[in-house]
Amino acid sequence: MLDTAIINKLTDRVLHAQDSATTMTKLTDEHPSMSIEDSYAVQDELRRRWIARGDRCVGLKAGLTSKAKMQQMGVDVPSFGILMASFARPENSAIDTKELVHPRVEAEIAFVMKAELRGDVTIEQVIAATDYIIPAVEVIDSRYEKFKFDLVSVIADNGSSARYVTGGRPRDPREMDLRTIGVVIEKNGEIVALGASAAVLNHPAKAIVMLVKHLAERGESLAAGSYVMTGGITEAIPVSAGDSITARFQDMGSVSFRFI
């Protein structure tokens, strides 16, 4: 692993890019031996600093979990990131593009957990530990120049996480086939993407299975009360100031907001 001083310097760079909405070069350009373990160490330091600012960690996100996203980004394994309370925006709100670099949106199914999960778990155990599922849209925003990055660099940038909006209506996951939920994304009233929830690892709860395993390898668990976003069902859709977004989820309602 990279030493603590280097991890702190890399965290400085990532945090500055996020706070100032400016681009940076890939971290691996300067540190080609940087590992995935190092990237998660940067995430850990980001979380520590955010909490020190008075922010609150509300959950976690899985990224690059659909074939569409894997192909789009040229990777073949998921990544995981942190969700802070300050990232949340209300439904029907206006998101300021001056705070973002390369904003894109993706529709996801979010899980809210009622019980802790740790170690090796099954999809059935994930569902049993879930309080409810709810429609969500994540605004991702890679801070890397020209939206070009590798897996190690994107993990250190907290999986490109920037904002998220939750809406629609909560549903009991035991009452639905979580593989066949249809999703449509509209931009300015035009359909720009559609898919089904099975695009996420054939079952969105599988993303949480993999997340819990990842946490176990780090001596951690998924806490009760966590809000977990399971990854984009379609490719990420670029947006700019003036765009209005609506994501419609079959039998779950919709999520709408706009960019200014």
Protein backbone atom coordinates (compact mmCIF):
# COMPACT_ATOMS: atom_id res chain seq x y z
CA MET A 1 0.00 0.00 0.00
CA LEU A 2 0.96 3.63 -0.45
CA ASP A 3 2.04 5.27 2.79
CA THR A 4 -0.24 7.50 4.82
CA ALA A 5 1.39 10.73 3.65
CA ILE A 6 0.71 9.89 0.00
CA ILE A 7 -2.88 8.82 0.77
CA ASN A 8 -3.42 12.17 2.48
CA LYS A 9 -1.98 14.08 -0.50
CA LEU A 10 -4.19 12.15 -2.92
CA THR A 11 -7.21 12.86 -0.71
CA ASP A 12 -6.28 16.57 -0.77
CA ARG A 13 -6.32 16.46 -4.58
CA VAL A 14 -9.64 14.61 -4.84
CA LEU A 15 -11.34 16.80 -2.25
CA HIS A 16 -10.14 20.00 -3.93
CA ALA A 17 -11.47 18.82 -7.31
CA GLN A 18 -14.83 17.92 -5.76
CA ASP A 19 -15.16 21.13 -3.72
CA SER A 20 -14.11 23.45 -6.54
CA ALA A 21 -15.72 21.54 -9.44
CA THR A 22 -12.43 21.37 -11.32
CA THR A 23 -10.75 18.54 -13.18
CA MET A 24 -7.70 16.53 -12.22
CA THR A 25 -5.47 14.00 -13.94
CA LYS A 26 -5.85 10.31 -13.12
CA LEU A 27 -4.17 9.47 -9.84
CA THR A 28 -2.51 6.48 -11.48
CA ASP A 29 -0.65 8.82 -13.86
CA GLU A 30 1.50 9.88 -10.91
CA HIS A 31 1.23 6.62 -8.94
CA PRO A 32 1.03 3.76 -11.49
CA SER A 33 1.45 1.15 -8.74
CA MET A 34 -1.60 2.45 -6.85
CA SER A 35 -3.90 -0.43 -5.91
CA ILE A 36 -7.63 -0.78 -5.33
CA GLU A 37 -6.82 -1.10 -1.62
CA ASP A 38 -5.12 2.31 -1.81
CA SER A 39 -8.22 3.75 -3.51
CA TYR A 40 -10.46 2.62 -0.69
CA ALA A 41 -7.95 4.14 1.77
CA VAL A 42 -8.54 7.48 0.00
CA GLN A 43 -12.30 6.93 0.37
CA ASP A 44 -11.81 6.24 4.08
CA GLU A 45 -9.94 9.52 4.46
CA LEU A 46 -12.59 11.38 2.46
CA ARG A 47 -15.29 10.04 4.80
CA ARG A 48 -13.25 11.02 7.86
CA ARG A 49 -12.85 14.57 6.55
CA TRP A 50 -16.51 14.92 5.56
CA ILE A 51 -17.62 13.80 9.01
CA ALA A 52 -15.13 16.23 10.58
CA ARG A 53 -16.88 18.98 8.58
CA GLY A 54 -20.18 18.01 10.23
CA ASP A 55 -21.53 15.83 7.44
CA ARG A 56 -23.10 12.42 8.07
CA CYS A 57 -22.61 9.10 6.27
CA VAL A 58 -26.07 7.73 5.39
CA GLY A 59 -25.10 4.71 3.34
CA LEU A 60 -23.18 3.26 0.46
CA LYS A 61 -23.40 2.87 -3.30
CA ALA A 62 -22.49 0.16 -5.74
CA GLY A 63 -21.25 1.31 -9.11
CA LEU A 64 -20.51 -0.22 -12.50
CA THR A 65 -22.96 -3.03 -11.75
CA SER A 66 -24.71 -3.21 -15.12
CA LYS A 67 -23.30 -4.54 -18.37
CA ALA A 68 -24.14 -1.17 -19.96
CA LYS A 69 -22.04 0.73 -17.41
CA MET A 70 -19.20 -1.81 -17.52
CA GLN A 71 -19.03 -1.49 -21.30
CA GLN A 72 -19.34 2.28 -21.15
CA MET A 73 -16.45 2.58 -18.70
CA GLY A 74 -14.33 -0.34 -19.92
CA VAL A 75 -14.27 -2.28 -16.63
CA ASP A 76 -15.48 -5.71 -15.60
CA VAL A 77 -15.90 -5.54 -11.80
CA PRO A 78 -18.15 -3.36 -9.59
CA SER A 79 -16.90 -0.60 -7.35
CA PHE A 80 -18.30 0.81 -4.12
CA GLY A 81 -18.59 4.29 -2.67
CA ILE A 82 -19.86 6.37 0.24
CA LEU A 83 -23.12 8.35 0.38
CA MET A 84 -23.16 11.43 2.60
CA ALA A 85 -26.22 13.36 3.73
CA SER A 86 -24.94 16.47 1.92
CA PHE A 87 -25.18 14.69 -1.46
CA ALA A 88 -28.99 14.37 -1.20
CA ARG A 89 -31.31 16.70 -3.05
CA PRO A 90 -35.13 16.79 -2.75
CA GLU A 91 -37.41 15.62 -5.52
CA ASN A 92 -38.41 18.42 -7.95
CA SER A 93 -35.39 20.45 -6.88
CA ALA A 94 -32.94 22.38 -9.05
CA ILE A 95 -29.35 21.11 -9.12
CA ASP A 96 -26.70 23.74 -9.79
CA THR A 97 -24.36 22.70 -12.62
CA LYS A 98 -21.74 25.23 -11.44
CA GLU A 99 -21.03 22.77 -8.61
CA LEU A 100 -20.39 19.92 -11.07
CA VAL A 101 -17.86 19.04 -13.79
CA HIS A 102 -19.24 16.26 -16.02
CA PRO A 103 -22.75 15.61 -14.67
CA ARG A 104 -24.60 12.50 -15.84
CA VAL A 105 -27.68 10.78 -14.47
CA GLU A 106 -28.60 7.16 -13.95
CA ALA A 107 -31.73 5.52 -12.55
CA GLU A 108 -31.25 3.07 -9.70
CA ILE A 109 -33.18 1.05 -7.15
CA ALA A 110 -32.23 2.01 -3.61
CA PHE A 111 -32.58 -0.28 -0.60
CA VAL A 112 -33.14 0.92 2.97
CA MET A 113 -32.00 -1.71 5.46
CA LYS A 114 -33.76 -2.63 8.70
CA ALA A 115 -31.17 -5.14 9.91
CA GLU A 116 -27.39 -5.38 9.86
CA LEU A 117 -25.72 -7.61 7.28
CA ARG A 118 -22.21 -9.00 7.51
CA GLY A 119 -20.07 -11.68 5.88
CA ASP A 120 -21.29 -13.96 3.12
CA VAL A 121 -25.00 -13.41 2.57
CA THR A 122 -27.56 -14.51 0.00
CA ILE A 123 -30.05 -12.51 -2.05
CA GLU A 124 -32.80 -13.92 0.18
CA GLN A 125 -31.00 -12.68 3.29
CA VAL A 126 -30.59 -9.23 1.74
CA ILE A 127 -34.32 -9.05 1.01
CA ALA A 128 -35.18 -10.23 4.52
CA ALA A 129 -32.95 -7.47 5.96
CA THR A 130 -34.51 -4.77 3.75
CA ASP A 131 -37.11 -2.37 5.16
CA TYR A 132 -38.16 -1.11 1.71
CA ILE A 133 -36.91 -0.30 -1.78
CA ILE A 134 -37.43 3.08 -3.42
CA PRO A 135 -36.72 4.75 -6.80
CA ALA A 136 -33.61 6.91 -6.97
CA VAL A 137 -31.52 8.81 -9.49
CA GLU A 138 -27.82 9.37 -8.95
CA VAL A 139 -26.01 12.34 -10.45
CA ILE A 140 -22.51 11.07 -11.10
CA ASP A 141 -19.71 13.51 -11.80
CA SER A 142 -16.22 12.24 -12.48
CA ARG A 143 -13.69 14.93 -11.69
CA TYR A 144 -11.13 13.41 -14.09
CA GLU A 145 -10.18 15.26 -17.26
CA LYS A 146 -12.39 14.42 -20.26
CA PHE A 147 -14.34 11.89 -18.13
CA LYS A 148 -11.47 9.41 -18.66
CA PHE A 149 -10.36 7.21 -15.79
CA ASP A 150 -9.43 3.71 -14.68
CA LEU A 151 -10.99 1.63 -11.93
CA VAL A 152 -8.39 2.54 -9.31
CA SER A 153 -8.79 6.27 -9.97
CA VAL A 154 -12.60 6.23 -10.03
CA ILE A 155 -12.81 4.40 -6.69
CA ALA A 156 -10.57 7.07 -5.14
CA ASP A 157 -13.00 9.68 -6.54
CA ASN A 158 -15.73 7.93 -4.54
CA GLY A 159 -17.20 6.24 -7.60
CA SER A 160 -17.90 9.65 -9.22
CA SER A 161 -20.63 10.24 -6.64
CA ALA A 162 -22.00 13.79 -6.48
CA ARG A 163 -25.76 14.04 -5.83
CA TYR A 164 -28.74 11.73 -5.49
CA VAL A 165 -32.50 12.26 -5.56
CA THR A 166 -35.05 9.83 -4.13
CA GLY A 167 -38.74 9.84 -5.04
CA GLY A 168 -41.66 7.72 -6.16
CA ARG A 169 -43.04 5.48 -3.47
CA PRO A 170 -41.42 2.88 -1.23
CA ARG A 171 -42.27 -0.75 -1.89
CA ASP A 172 -41.87 -3.98 0.04
CA PRO A 173 -39.27 -6.00 -1.90
CA ARG A 174 -41.06 -9.20 -0.91
CA GLU A 175 -44.06 -8.11 -2.98
CA MET A 176 -42.18 -7.54 -6.24
CA ASP A 177 -40.03 -9.39 -8.75
CA LEU A 178 -36.93 -7.27 -8.36
CA ARG A 179 -35.49 -8.51 -11.65
CA THR A 180 -38.28 -7.22 -13.91
CA ILE A 181 -38.86 -3.61 -12.86
CA GLY A 182 -38.95 -1.49 -15.99
CA VAL A 183 -37.26 1.93 -15.95
CA VAL A 184 -37.48 4.82 -18.42
CA ILE A 185 -35.37 8.00 -18.26
CA GLU A 186 -36.76 11.12 -19.94
CA LYS A 187 -34.70 14.24 -20.63
CA ASN A 188 -36.77 17.30 -21.51
CA GLY A 189 -39.72 15.02 -22.23
CA GLU A 190 -37.83 12.76 -24.64
CA ILE A 191 -37.08 9.13 -23.78
CA VAL A 192 -33.28 8.78 -23.70
CA ALA A 193 -32.79 5.43 -21.95
CA LEU A 194 -34.77 2.43 -20.83
CA GLY A 195 -34.01 -0.87 -19.16
CA ALA A 196 -35.02 -3.47 -16.64
CA SER A 197 -33.67 -3.97 -13.15
CA ALA A 198 -32.14 -7.32 -14.09
CA ALA A 199 -29.45 -5.25 -15.85
CA VAL A 200 -27.89 -4.87 -12.40
CA LEU A 201 -26.09 -8.20 -11.94
CA ASN A 202 -29.30 -10.05 -12.94
CA HIS A 203 -30.84 -8.95 -9.62
CA PRO A 204 -30.23 -5.59 -7.85
CA ALA A 205 -29.96 -7.30 -4.46
CA LYS A 206 -26.86 -9.07 -5.83
CA ALA A 207 -25.11 -5.69 -5.67
CA ILE A 208 -25.71 -5.67 -1.92
CA VAL A 209 -24.47 -9.28 -1.62
CA MET A 210 -21.22 -8.12 -3.23
CA LEU A 211 -21.11 -4.94 -1.14
CA VAL A 212 -21.47 -6.89 2.11
CA LYS A 213 -18.68 -9.24 1.04
CA HIS A 214 -16.49 -6.24 0.21
CA LEU A 215 -17.19 -4.74 3.65
CA ALA A 216 -16.45 -8.06 5.37
CA GLU A 217 -13.04 -8.17 3.70
CA ARG A 218 -12.37 -4.80 5.34
CA GLY A 219 -13.65 -5.91 8.76
CA GLU A 220 -16.88 -3.94 8.38
CA SER A 221 -20.61 -4.64 8.03
CA LEU A 222 -23.65 -2.99 6.45
CA ALA A 223 -25.45 -1.24 9.28
CA ALA A 224 -29.19 -1.29 9.90
CA GLY A 225 -30.71 1.93 8.61
CA SER A 226 -28.26 2.18 5.71
CA TYR A 227 -29.42 3.65 2.40
CA VAL A 228 -27.84 1.68 -0.45
CA MET A 229 -27.92 2.55 -4.15
CA THR A 230 -27.43 -0.56 -6.25
CA GLY A 231 -26.08 0.90 -9.49
CA GLY A 232 -27.31 2.31 -12.77
CA ILE A 233 -29.84 0.24 -14.70
CA THR A 234 -29.00 2.01 -17.97
CA GLU A 235 -25.99 3.86 -19.32
CA ALA A 236 -25.31 7.24 -17.72
CA ILE A 237 -27.01 10.15 -19.54
CA PRO A 238 -25.06 13.44 -19.91
CA VAL A 239 -26.92 16.55 -18.73
CA SER A 240 -26.37 20.30 -18.69
CA ALA A 241 -28.01 23.47 -17.38
CA GLY A 242 -31.62 23.72 -18.55
CA ASP A 243 -32.25 19.99 -18.69
CA SER A 244 -35.20 18.41 -16.86
CA ILE A 245 -35.00 14.76 -15.86
CA THR A 246 -37.77 12.30 -15.03
CA ALA A 247 -37.07 8.65 -14.26
CA ARG A 248 -40.15 6.41 -14.28
CA PHE A 249 -40.09 3.10 -12.42
CA GLN A 250 -42.70 0.43 -13.10
CA ASP A 251 -45.15 0.20 -10.17
CA MET A 252 -42.91 2.50 -8.10
CA GLY A 253 -43.64 6.01 -9.38
CA SER A 254 -41.16 8.53 -10.71
CA VAL A 255 -38.30 10.85 -9.72
CA SER A 256 -38.07 14.34 -11.26
CA PHE A 257 -35.67 17.27 -10.95
CA ARG A 258 -33.85 19.79 -13.14
CA PHE A 259 -30.44 21.32 -13.74
CA ILE A 260 -29.74 25.06 -13.63
